[in-house]
N, C-alpha and C. Protein backbone atom coordinates (compact mmCIF):
# COMPACT_ATOMS: atom_id res chain seq x y z
N MET A 1 106.69 16.59 52.85
CA MET A 1 107.16 16.77 54.22
C MET A 1 107.11 18.24 54.60
N LYS A 2 106.70 18.54 55.82
CA LYS A 2 106.69 19.91 56.28
C LYS A 2 108.12 20.44 56.35
N GLN A 3 108.25 21.75 56.13
CA GLN A 3 109.57 22.35 56.22
C GLN A 3 110.12 22.25 57.64
N SER A 4 109.27 22.44 58.63
CA SER A 4 109.78 22.32 60.00
C SER A 4 108.68 21.87 60.95
N VAL A 5 109.04 21.03 61.80
CA VAL A 5 108.08 20.58 62.79
C VAL A 5 108.75 20.74 64.09
N VAL A 6 111.48 19.02 66.70
CA VAL A 6 111.77 19.81 67.87
C VAL A 6 113.26 19.68 68.03
N GLY A 7 114.03 20.51 67.67
CA GLY A 7 115.41 20.62 68.10
C GLY A 7 115.41 21.57 69.26
N ASN A 8 116.48 22.26 69.49
CA ASN A 8 116.54 23.20 70.60
C ASN A 8 115.51 24.31 70.45
N ASN A 9 115.18 24.66 69.20
CA ASN A 9 114.22 25.74 68.99
C ASN A 9 112.83 25.22 68.71
N GLY A 10 112.60 23.93 68.89
CA GLY A 10 111.27 23.37 68.72
C GLY A 10 110.94 22.98 67.30
N SER A 11 111.93 22.90 66.42
CA SER A 11 111.63 22.57 65.03
C SER A 11 112.66 21.61 64.45
N LEU A 12 112.23 20.88 63.43
CA LEU A 12 113.13 20.01 62.69
C LEU A 12 112.90 20.29 61.22
N SER A 13 113.90 20.81 60.56
CA SER A 13 113.74 21.18 59.15
C SER A 13 113.95 19.96 58.25
N LYS A 14 113.48 20.07 57.03
CA LYS A 14 113.67 19.03 56.04
C LYS A 14 115.16 18.81 55.80
N GLU A 15 115.91 19.90 55.76
CA GLU A 15 117.35 19.82 55.54
C GLU A 15 118.06 19.07 56.67
N GLU A 16 117.65 19.35 57.91
CA GLU A 16 118.24 18.66 59.07
C GLU A 16 117.90 17.17 59.04
N PHE A 17 116.69 16.86 58.67
CA PHE A 17 116.27 15.46 58.59
C PHE A 17 117.11 14.71 57.56
N GLU A 18 117.27 15.29 56.41
CA GLU A 18 117.97 14.62 55.32
C GLU A 18 119.48 14.56 55.54
N ALA A 19 120.01 15.46 56.36
CA ALA A 19 121.46 15.50 56.60
C ALA A 19 121.95 14.34 57.46
N ALA A 20 121.06 13.74 58.24
CA ALA A 20 121.44 12.63 59.12
C ALA A 20 121.56 11.34 58.32
N SER A 21 122.76 10.80 58.23
CA SER A 21 123.01 9.60 57.45
C SER A 21 122.69 8.33 58.25
N ASN A 22 122.06 7.37 57.57
CA ASN A 22 121.81 6.08 58.22
C ASN A 22 123.10 5.29 58.38
N GLN A 23 124.01 5.48 57.46
CA GLN A 23 125.21 4.66 57.42
C GLN A 23 126.17 4.94 58.57
N ASP A 24 126.28 6.21 58.92
CA ASP A 24 127.21 6.59 59.99
C ASP A 24 126.54 7.56 60.94
N TYR A 25 126.81 7.37 62.24
CA TYR A 25 126.27 8.31 63.22
C TYR A 25 127.26 9.44 63.40
N ASP A 26 126.82 10.64 63.04
CA ASP A 26 127.62 11.83 63.23
C ASP A 26 126.88 12.72 64.23
N GLU A 27 127.54 13.06 65.32
CA GLU A 27 126.89 13.79 66.42
C GLU A 27 126.23 15.08 65.94
N LYS A 28 126.91 15.82 65.11
CA LYS A 28 126.39 17.12 64.67
C LYS A 28 125.16 16.97 63.79
N SER A 29 125.20 16.08 62.82
CA SER A 29 124.06 15.95 61.90
C SER A 29 122.87 15.23 62.53
N TRP A 30 123.15 14.37 63.51
CA TRP A 30 122.05 13.64 64.15
C TRP A 30 121.43 14.39 65.32
N LYS A 31 122.11 15.41 65.83
CA LYS A 31 121.61 16.12 67.00
C LYS A 31 120.18 16.67 66.82
N PRO A 32 119.84 17.30 65.69
CA PRO A 32 118.46 17.80 65.54
C PRO A 32 117.40 16.71 65.64
N LEU A 33 117.69 15.52 65.10
CA LEU A 33 116.73 14.42 65.18
C LEU A 33 116.61 13.88 66.60
N ILE A 34 117.76 13.76 67.29
CA ILE A 34 117.75 13.28 68.67
C ILE A 34 116.99 14.28 69.55
N ASP A 35 117.24 15.56 69.35
CA ASP A 35 116.53 16.60 70.12
C ASP A 35 115.03 16.54 69.85
N PHE A 36 114.68 16.36 68.59
CA PHE A 36 113.28 16.27 68.21
C PHE A 36 112.60 15.12 68.97
N PHE A 37 113.24 13.96 68.91
CA PHE A 37 112.71 12.77 69.59
C PHE A 37 112.61 12.99 71.09
N TRP A 38 113.73 13.42 71.72
CA TRP A 38 113.76 13.51 73.17
C TRP A 38 112.80 14.57 73.70
N ASN A 39 112.81 15.74 73.10
CA ASN A 39 111.93 16.81 73.57
C ASN A 39 110.46 16.46 73.41
N ARG A 40 110.14 15.76 72.35
CA ARG A 40 108.75 15.38 72.10
C ARG A 40 108.18 14.56 73.26
N TYR A 41 108.93 13.58 73.73
CA TYR A 41 108.41 12.69 74.77
C TYR A 41 108.74 13.18 76.17
N ASN A 42 109.88 13.84 76.32
CA ASN A 42 110.23 14.36 77.63
C ASN A 42 109.28 15.48 78.05
N LYS A 43 109.01 16.40 77.15
CA LYS A 43 108.16 17.55 77.50
C LYS A 43 106.69 17.18 77.58
N ARG A 44 106.26 16.24 76.74
CA ARG A 44 104.84 15.89 76.70
C ARG A 44 104.45 14.82 77.72
N TYR A 45 105.41 14.00 78.12
CA TYR A 45 105.07 12.87 78.99
C TYR A 45 105.93 12.78 80.25
N PHE A 46 107.24 12.68 80.09
CA PHE A 46 108.08 12.39 81.25
C PHE A 46 108.11 13.53 82.26
N LEU A 47 108.21 14.76 81.82
CA LEU A 47 108.21 15.88 82.76
C LEU A 47 106.85 16.07 83.45
N PRO A 48 105.73 15.99 82.72
CA PRO A 48 104.43 16.07 83.41
C PRO A 48 104.22 14.93 84.42
N ILE A 49 104.69 13.73 84.08
CA ILE A 49 104.57 12.61 85.03
C ILE A 49 105.40 12.88 86.27
N LYS A 50 106.60 13.41 86.10
CA LYS A 50 107.44 13.73 87.25
C LYS A 50 106.77 14.77 88.14
N ALA A 51 106.07 15.73 87.51
CA ALA A 51 105.35 16.74 88.28
C ALA A 51 104.26 16.12 89.13
N LEU A 52 103.61 15.08 88.61
CA LEU A 52 102.59 14.36 89.39
C LEU A 52 103.25 13.58 90.53
N GLN A 53 104.32 12.88 90.22
CA GLN A 53 104.99 12.05 91.23
C GLN A 53 105.58 12.88 92.37
N ASP A 54 105.96 14.14 92.07
CA ASP A 54 106.58 15.02 93.06
C ASP A 54 105.61 16.05 93.62
N HIS A 55 104.35 15.92 93.30
CA HIS A 55 103.36 16.95 93.66
C HIS A 55 103.26 17.14 95.17
N THR A 56 103.04 18.38 95.59
CA THR A 56 102.93 18.67 97.03
C THR A 56 101.62 18.14 97.62
N ASP A 57 100.62 17.96 96.77
CA ASP A 57 99.33 17.41 97.22
C ASP A 57 99.45 15.89 97.32
N PHE A 58 99.32 15.35 98.54
CA PHE A 58 99.48 13.91 98.75
C PHE A 58 98.52 13.09 97.91
N GLU A 59 97.27 13.53 97.80
CA GLU A 59 96.27 12.77 97.05
C GLU A 59 96.67 12.62 95.58
N ILE A 60 97.20 13.68 95.01
CA ILE A 60 97.66 13.60 93.62
C ILE A 60 98.88 12.71 93.52
N ARG A 61 99.84 12.91 94.40
CA ARG A 61 101.09 12.15 94.38
C ARG A 61 100.84 10.67 94.63
N ASN A 62 99.90 10.37 95.48
CA ASN A 62 99.66 8.99 95.88
C ASN A 62 98.75 8.23 94.92
N ASN A 63 97.93 8.95 94.18
CA ASN A 63 96.91 8.29 93.36
C ASN A 63 97.12 8.43 91.87
N CYS A 64 98.33 8.74 91.45
CA CYS A 64 98.58 8.91 90.02
C CYS A 64 99.09 7.62 89.35
N GLY A 65 99.13 6.53 90.10
CA GLY A 65 99.72 5.29 89.59
C GLY A 65 99.07 4.73 88.35
N PHE A 66 97.73 4.70 88.34
CA PHE A 66 97.04 4.14 87.18
C PHE A 66 97.22 5.03 85.96
N LEU A 67 97.22 6.35 86.19
CA LEU A 67 97.45 7.28 85.09
C LEU A 67 98.84 7.07 84.51
N VAL A 68 99.85 6.99 85.37
CA VAL A 68 101.23 6.82 84.92
C VAL A 68 101.39 5.48 84.18
N ALA A 69 100.81 4.42 84.72
CA ALA A 69 100.91 3.11 84.09
C ALA A 69 100.23 3.09 82.72
N SER A 70 99.12 3.80 82.61
CA SER A 70 98.42 3.89 81.32
C SER A 70 99.31 4.57 80.29
N ILE A 71 99.93 5.69 80.68
CA ILE A 71 100.82 6.41 79.79
C ILE A 71 102.04 5.55 79.44
N ASP A 72 102.53 4.79 80.41
CA ASP A 72 103.69 3.92 80.14
C ASP A 72 103.36 2.90 79.06
N CYS A 73 102.15 2.37 79.07
CA CYS A 73 101.76 1.42 78.04
C CYS A 73 101.78 2.08 76.66
N ILE A 74 101.30 3.31 76.59
CA ILE A 74 101.33 4.07 75.34
C ILE A 74 102.78 4.31 74.91
N LEU A 75 103.61 4.69 75.87
CA LEU A 75 105.01 4.99 75.57
C LEU A 75 105.78 3.75 75.10
N ILE A 76 105.45 2.59 75.65
CA ILE A 76 106.10 1.35 75.22
C ILE A 76 105.75 1.06 73.76
N GLU A 77 104.47 1.16 73.43
CA GLU A 77 104.05 0.91 72.05
C GLU A 77 104.72 1.89 71.09
N THR A 78 104.78 3.16 71.50
CA THR A 78 105.40 4.18 70.65
C THR A 78 106.89 3.91 70.47
N LEU A 79 107.56 3.57 71.55
CA LEU A 79 109.00 3.30 71.48
C LEU A 79 109.28 2.18 70.48
N GLU A 80 108.48 1.14 70.51
CA GLU A 80 108.71 0.01 69.62
C GLU A 80 108.52 0.40 68.16
N GLN A 81 107.71 1.43 67.89
CA GLN A 81 107.53 1.89 66.51
C GLN A 81 108.83 2.49 65.96
N TYR A 82 109.67 3.04 66.84
CA TYR A 82 110.97 3.54 66.40
C TYR A 82 111.91 2.39 66.05
N TYR A 83 111.72 1.26 66.69
CA TYR A 83 112.55 0.10 66.39
C TYR A 83 112.07 -0.63 65.14
N THR A 84 110.80 -0.46 64.78
CA THR A 84 110.26 -1.12 63.59
C THR A 84 110.12 -0.18 62.40
N GLY A 85 110.19 1.14 62.65
CA GLY A 85 110.06 2.11 61.57
C GLY A 85 108.64 2.31 61.09
N GLN A 86 107.67 1.98 61.94
CA GLN A 86 106.25 2.07 61.56
C GLN A 86 105.56 3.26 62.23
N ASP A 87 104.51 3.72 61.58
CA ASP A 87 103.72 4.81 62.13
C ASP A 87 102.83 4.34 63.27
N GLU A 88 102.46 3.07 63.26
CA GLU A 88 101.62 2.50 64.31
C GLU A 88 102.01 1.06 64.54
N SER A 89 101.54 0.51 65.63
CA SER A 89 101.88 -0.87 65.96
C SER A 89 101.16 -1.83 65.03
N LEU A 90 101.90 -2.78 64.49
CA LEU A 90 101.34 -3.77 63.58
C LEU A 90 101.42 -5.16 64.23
N GLY A 91 100.69 -6.10 63.67
CA GLY A 91 100.72 -7.46 64.21
C GLY A 91 99.77 -7.63 65.39
N LYS A 92 100.10 -8.55 66.27
CA LYS A 92 99.27 -8.82 67.43
C LYS A 92 99.39 -7.71 68.46
N LEU A 93 98.34 -7.54 69.25
CA LEU A 93 98.30 -6.48 70.25
C LEU A 93 99.50 -6.52 71.19
N HIS A 94 99.95 -7.72 71.53
CA HIS A 94 101.02 -7.84 72.52
C HIS A 94 102.42 -7.80 71.93
N ASP A 95 102.54 -7.77 70.61
CA ASP A 95 103.86 -7.83 69.98
C ASP A 95 104.83 -6.74 70.47
N PRO A 96 104.39 -5.46 70.52
CA PRO A 96 105.34 -4.44 70.98
C PRO A 96 105.78 -4.63 72.42
N PHE A 97 104.91 -5.20 73.25
CA PHE A 97 105.27 -5.42 74.65
C PHE A 97 106.28 -6.56 74.78
N TYR A 98 106.08 -7.60 73.98
CA TYR A 98 107.03 -8.72 74.02
C TYR A 98 108.41 -8.24 73.58
N SER A 99 108.46 -7.44 72.51
CA SER A 99 109.74 -6.91 72.03
C SER A 99 110.39 -6.03 73.08
N PHE A 100 109.59 -5.18 73.70
CA PHE A 100 110.10 -4.27 74.72
C PHE A 100 110.67 -5.02 75.91
N PHE A 101 109.90 -5.94 76.46
CA PHE A 101 110.34 -6.68 77.64
C PHE A 101 111.56 -7.56 77.34
N LYS A 102 111.61 -8.06 76.13
CA LYS A 102 112.74 -8.92 75.74
C LYS A 102 114.03 -8.10 75.63
N ARG A 103 113.93 -6.87 75.18
CA ARG A 103 115.11 -6.02 74.99
C ARG A 103 115.61 -5.43 76.30
N SER A 104 114.71 -5.07 77.19
CA SER A 104 115.07 -4.35 78.40
C SER A 104 115.62 -5.27 79.48
N LYS A 105 116.84 -4.99 79.92
CA LYS A 105 117.46 -5.80 80.97
C LYS A 105 116.70 -5.73 82.28
N ALA A 106 116.08 -4.58 82.55
CA ALA A 106 115.38 -4.38 83.82
C ALA A 106 114.18 -5.32 83.97
N PHE A 107 113.63 -5.75 82.85
CA PHE A 107 112.42 -6.58 82.90
C PHE A 107 112.71 -8.05 82.65
N LYS A 108 113.97 -8.42 82.57
CA LYS A 108 114.33 -9.80 82.31
C LYS A 108 113.73 -10.74 83.36
N GLY A 109 113.17 -11.84 82.89
CA GLY A 109 112.66 -12.85 83.80
C GLY A 109 111.19 -12.74 84.12
N ALA A 110 110.61 -11.56 83.92
CA ALA A 110 109.19 -11.39 84.24
C ALA A 110 108.32 -11.84 83.08
N ILE A 111 108.60 -11.30 81.90
CA ILE A 111 107.86 -11.68 80.69
C ILE A 111 108.78 -12.58 79.89
N GLU A 112 108.53 -13.88 79.93
CA GLU A 112 109.49 -14.83 79.37
C GLU A 112 109.15 -15.28 77.96
N ASN A 113 107.89 -15.10 77.55
CA ASN A 113 107.51 -15.60 76.23
C ASN A 113 106.31 -14.82 75.68
N ASP A 114 105.91 -15.22 74.49
CA ASP A 114 104.82 -14.57 73.79
C ASP A 114 103.52 -14.62 74.60
N GLN A 115 103.28 -15.73 75.25
CA GLN A 115 102.05 -15.89 76.04
C GLN A 115 102.03 -14.94 77.24
N ASP A 116 103.17 -14.77 77.89
CA ASP A 116 103.26 -13.84 79.02
C ASP A 116 102.97 -12.42 78.56
N ALA A 117 103.52 -12.05 77.40
CA ALA A 117 103.29 -10.71 76.86
C ALA A 117 101.81 -10.51 76.54
N GLY A 118 101.17 -11.58 76.07
CA GLY A 118 99.74 -11.51 75.78
C GLY A 118 98.93 -11.26 77.03
N LYS A 119 99.33 -11.86 78.13
CA LYS A 119 98.63 -11.63 79.39
C LYS A 119 98.81 -10.19 79.86
N PHE A 120 100.02 -9.65 79.69
CA PHE A 120 100.25 -8.25 80.07
C PHE A 120 99.37 -7.33 79.23
N ALA A 121 99.36 -7.56 77.93
CA ALA A 121 98.56 -6.70 77.04
C ALA A 121 97.08 -6.76 77.38
N GLY A 122 96.60 -7.95 77.73
CA GLY A 122 95.18 -8.10 78.03
C GLY A 122 94.79 -7.65 79.43
N LEU A 123 95.59 -8.04 80.42
CA LEU A 123 95.21 -7.77 81.81
C LEU A 123 95.61 -6.38 82.29
N VAL A 124 96.67 -5.83 81.71
CA VAL A 124 97.16 -4.52 82.15
C VAL A 124 96.88 -3.45 81.10
N ARG A 125 97.50 -3.58 79.95
CA ARG A 125 97.36 -2.55 78.92
C ARG A 125 95.91 -2.30 78.52
N SER A 126 95.20 -3.35 78.09
CA SER A 126 93.82 -3.18 77.64
C SER A 126 92.89 -2.81 78.78
N GLY A 127 93.14 -3.38 79.95
CA GLY A 127 92.31 -3.03 81.11
C GLY A 127 92.41 -1.56 81.44
N LEU A 128 93.64 -1.03 81.45
CA LEU A 128 93.85 0.38 81.79
C LEU A 128 93.28 1.31 80.72
N LEU A 129 93.58 1.02 79.45
CA LEU A 129 93.23 1.94 78.39
C LEU A 129 91.76 1.88 77.99
N HIS A 130 91.10 0.74 78.21
CA HIS A 130 89.72 0.60 77.77
C HIS A 130 88.69 0.55 78.90
N GLN A 131 89.16 0.19 80.11
CA GLN A 131 88.22 0.07 81.22
C GLN A 131 88.67 0.81 82.48
N SER A 132 89.78 1.50 82.39
CA SER A 132 90.33 2.26 83.53
C SER A 132 90.56 1.38 84.75
N LYS A 133 91.00 0.15 84.51
CA LYS A 133 91.28 -0.77 85.61
C LYS A 133 92.24 -1.85 85.13
N THR A 134 92.87 -2.54 86.08
CA THR A 134 93.60 -3.75 85.74
C THR A 134 92.64 -4.92 85.90
N LYS A 135 92.95 -6.03 85.24
CA LYS A 135 92.03 -7.17 85.25
C LYS A 135 92.54 -8.30 86.15
N LYS A 136 91.60 -9.17 86.47
CA LYS A 136 91.84 -10.29 87.38
C LYS A 136 92.34 -9.73 88.70
N ALA A 137 93.42 -10.30 89.25
CA ALA A 137 93.92 -9.83 90.56
C ALA A 137 95.10 -8.86 90.42
N SER A 138 95.35 -8.38 89.21
CA SER A 138 96.50 -7.50 88.96
C SER A 138 96.44 -6.23 89.81
N VAL A 139 97.60 -5.82 90.32
CA VAL A 139 97.68 -4.62 91.16
C VAL A 139 98.84 -3.74 90.71
N ILE A 140 98.65 -2.44 90.91
CA ILE A 140 99.70 -1.45 90.66
C ILE A 140 99.88 -0.65 91.94
N ASN A 141 101.08 -0.64 92.49
CA ASN A 141 101.32 0.12 93.71
C ASN A 141 102.77 0.58 93.76
N LYS A 142 103.16 1.17 94.87
CA LYS A 142 104.55 1.62 95.00
C LYS A 142 105.19 1.07 96.28
N LYS A 143 104.73 -0.09 96.73
CA LYS A 143 105.31 -0.72 97.91
C LYS A 143 106.73 -1.18 97.61
N ASN A 144 107.59 -1.05 98.59
CA ASN A 144 108.98 -1.48 98.41
C ASN A 144 109.08 -2.98 98.12
N SER A 145 108.10 -3.73 98.60
CA SER A 145 108.12 -5.18 98.42
C SER A 145 107.64 -5.62 97.04
N THR A 146 107.05 -4.70 96.28
CA THR A 146 106.53 -5.04 94.96
C THR A 146 107.64 -4.94 93.92
N PRO A 147 107.85 -6.00 93.14
CA PRO A 147 108.90 -5.95 92.11
C PRO A 147 108.51 -5.03 90.95
N ILE A 148 109.45 -4.75 90.09
CA ILE A 148 109.13 -3.91 88.93
C ILE A 148 107.94 -4.48 88.18
N ILE A 149 107.91 -5.79 87.98
CA ILE A 149 106.74 -6.51 87.49
C ILE A 149 106.92 -7.98 87.84
N GLY A 150 105.88 -8.58 88.35
CA GLY A 150 105.93 -9.98 88.72
C GLY A 150 104.54 -10.58 88.68
N TRP A 151 104.46 -11.87 88.92
CA TRP A 151 103.17 -12.56 88.91
C TRP A 151 102.57 -12.57 90.30
N ILE A 152 101.26 -12.36 90.37
CA ILE A 152 100.55 -12.49 91.64
C ILE A 152 100.76 -13.90 92.19
N ASP A 153 100.66 -14.87 91.30
CA ASP A 153 100.88 -16.27 91.67
C ASP A 153 101.59 -16.96 90.51
N PRO A 154 102.89 -17.17 90.60
CA PRO A 154 103.64 -17.79 89.49
C PRO A 154 103.10 -19.14 89.06
N SER A 155 102.40 -19.81 89.96
CA SER A 155 101.83 -21.12 89.61
C SER A 155 100.51 -20.99 88.86
N ASP A 156 99.94 -19.79 88.84
CA ASP A 156 98.70 -19.53 88.12
C ASP A 156 98.76 -18.12 87.53
N LYS A 157 99.37 -18.02 86.36
CA LYS A 157 99.59 -16.72 85.74
C LYS A 157 98.30 -16.01 85.33
N ASN A 158 97.21 -16.75 85.28
CA ASN A 158 95.94 -16.13 84.94
C ASN A 158 95.46 -15.12 85.99
N LYS A 159 96.06 -15.19 87.18
CA LYS A 159 95.67 -14.24 88.23
C LYS A 159 96.20 -12.84 87.96
N GLY A 160 97.23 -12.76 87.11
CA GLY A 160 97.71 -11.44 86.72
C GLY A 160 99.01 -11.02 87.36
N PHE A 161 99.25 -9.70 87.34
CA PHE A 161 100.55 -9.13 87.69
C PHE A 161 100.50 -8.24 88.92
N GLU A 162 101.65 -8.10 89.55
CA GLU A 162 101.88 -7.03 90.51
C GLU A 162 102.96 -6.14 89.91
N ILE A 163 102.72 -4.83 89.93
CA ILE A 163 103.61 -3.89 89.27
C ILE A 163 103.97 -2.76 90.21
N ASN A 164 105.26 -2.51 90.35
CA ASN A 164 105.72 -1.36 91.11
C ASN A 164 105.72 -0.16 90.16
N ARG A 165 104.78 0.74 90.37
CA ARG A 165 104.56 1.81 89.40
C ARG A 165 105.78 2.70 89.20
N ASP A 166 106.53 2.98 90.27
CA ASP A 166 107.68 3.88 90.18
C ASP A 166 108.85 3.21 89.46
N LEU A 167 109.13 1.96 89.82
CA LEU A 167 110.20 1.23 89.15
C LEU A 167 109.88 0.99 87.68
N PHE A 168 108.63 0.64 87.43
CA PHE A 168 108.21 0.38 86.05
C PHE A 168 108.39 1.62 85.20
N HIS A 169 107.88 2.75 85.69
CA HIS A 169 107.98 3.98 84.91
C HIS A 169 109.43 4.42 84.73
N SER A 170 110.21 4.31 85.77
CA SER A 170 111.61 4.70 85.70
C SER A 170 112.34 3.94 84.60
N ASN A 171 112.01 2.68 84.44
CA ASN A 171 112.69 1.88 83.44
C ASN A 171 112.13 2.07 82.04
N VAL A 172 110.87 2.47 81.92
CA VAL A 172 110.36 2.88 80.61
C VAL A 172 111.11 4.13 80.16
N HIS A 173 111.27 5.06 81.10
CA HIS A 173 112.03 6.29 80.82
C HIS A 173 113.46 5.93 80.39
N GLU A 174 114.07 4.98 81.08
CA GLU A 174 115.44 4.58 80.77
C GLU A 174 115.55 3.97 79.37
N GLU A 175 114.52 3.25 78.96
CA GLU A 175 114.55 2.63 77.63
C GLU A 175 114.50 3.67 76.51
N TYR A 176 113.88 4.81 76.78
CA TYR A 176 113.91 5.90 75.79
C TYR A 176 115.34 6.44 75.66
N LYS A 177 116.04 6.52 76.78
CA LYS A 177 117.44 6.95 76.73
C LYS A 177 118.30 5.91 76.02
N ASN A 178 117.97 4.63 76.25
CA ASN A 178 118.75 3.56 75.63
C ASN A 178 118.60 3.56 74.11
N LEU A 179 117.43 3.95 73.61
CA LEU A 179 117.27 4.03 72.16
C LEU A 179 118.28 5.01 71.58
N ILE A 180 118.44 6.14 72.24
CA ILE A 180 119.41 7.14 71.77
C ILE A 180 120.82 6.55 71.78
N LYS A 181 121.17 5.82 72.85
CA LYS A 181 122.49 5.18 72.92
C LYS A 181 122.66 4.17 71.78
N ASN A 182 121.61 3.41 71.51
CA ASN A 182 121.67 2.40 70.45
C ASN A 182 121.85 3.03 69.07
N LEU A 183 121.24 4.19 68.86
CA LEU A 183 121.37 4.88 67.58
C LEU A 183 122.83 5.26 67.31
N LYS A 184 123.58 5.51 68.37
CA LYS A 184 124.96 5.99 68.23
C LYS A 184 125.95 4.86 67.93
N SER A 185 125.51 3.63 68.07
CA SER A 185 126.39 2.50 67.79
C SER A 185 126.67 2.43 66.29
N SER A 186 127.93 2.30 65.92
CA SER A 186 128.31 2.37 64.51
C SER A 186 127.66 1.30 63.64
N ASN A 187 127.35 0.13 64.21
CA ASN A 187 126.80 -0.95 63.39
C ASN A 187 125.28 -0.97 63.34
N ASN A 188 124.63 0.02 63.95
CA ASN A 188 123.17 0.04 63.97
C ASN A 188 122.57 0.83 62.80
N VAL A 189 122.98 0.49 61.62
CA VAL A 189 122.49 1.16 60.42
C VAL A 189 120.99 0.94 60.25
N ASP A 190 120.55 -0.29 60.44
CA ASP A 190 119.14 -0.62 60.27
C ASP A 190 118.27 0.14 61.27
N LEU A 191 118.74 0.26 62.50
CA LEU A 191 117.98 1.00 63.51
C LEU A 191 117.87 2.46 63.14
N ARG A 192 118.95 3.06 62.67
CA ARG A 192 118.89 4.47 62.28
C ARG A 192 117.91 4.67 61.12
N GLU A 193 117.89 3.73 60.22
CA GLU A 193 116.94 3.83 59.10
C GLU A 193 115.50 3.76 59.59
N LYS A 194 115.23 2.84 60.50
CA LYS A 194 113.87 2.70 61.02
C LYS A 194 113.47 3.88 61.89
N PHE A 195 114.42 4.38 62.66
CA PHE A 195 114.17 5.57 63.49
C PHE A 195 113.77 6.75 62.61
N LYS A 196 114.49 6.95 61.53
CA LYS A 196 114.17 8.04 60.62
C LYS A 196 112.82 7.83 59.94
N SER A 197 112.49 6.59 59.65
CA SER A 197 111.20 6.30 59.03
C SER A 197 110.06 6.69 59.96
N LYS A 198 110.24 6.40 61.25
CA LYS A 198 109.21 6.78 62.23
C LYS A 198 109.14 8.31 62.37
N ILE A 199 110.28 8.97 62.44
CA ILE A 199 110.31 10.43 62.51
C ILE A 199 109.58 11.03 61.31
N GLN A 200 109.80 10.43 60.15
CA GLN A 200 109.18 10.97 58.94
C GLN A 200 107.66 10.89 59.00
N THR A 201 107.13 9.86 59.64
CA THR A 201 105.66 9.76 59.75
C THR A 201 105.10 10.86 60.63
N ILE A 202 105.94 11.45 61.48
CA ILE A 202 105.49 12.52 62.38
C ILE A 202 105.54 13.88 61.68
N ILE A 203 106.58 14.09 60.89
CA ILE A 203 106.78 15.43 60.33
C ILE A 203 106.31 15.60 58.89
N GLU A 204 105.92 14.49 58.24
CA GLU A 204 105.55 14.61 56.83
C GLU A 204 104.21 15.32 56.66
């Protein structure tokens, strides 16, 4: 393991990593790991995305939806690796999305089962990351009438999804905060162990 890789000063030492106990959450000993996690994704992803969303240039502000949605798909997969303790996503392509949607209260009711998650992974995630587009009739926009995520036609799910890019991203951001809250729960020993396992794959 490297001696240091992001706390307040941008580093996480081996000693700080090892001081954080899985058995009990102690604010002082866990702070360097939480800072490392939060700064890594906030500085590299969430703050740059906010800069795009708030940009003074209308064309940039208005047309960053596909870019933001693509990054959100990456962030969802990465977040789930902290819950599984893995360096990369394992199993079926849609597994991390099903886990994510199932856990997040904001997405309740949209992705109801394994098959729905498979459609999201194929029509949205894979379309964006491999072809720079959504598939079938799927759309990404910021209309007030568009739900965080819903079906174009609930009677024919093969047509794909409608996604409110701002609501979707906001709730992906919120789920990163929720992971930190979950780590602090006294009975989440297994989660703390898996979180540290994922951190170790980054700094080793």
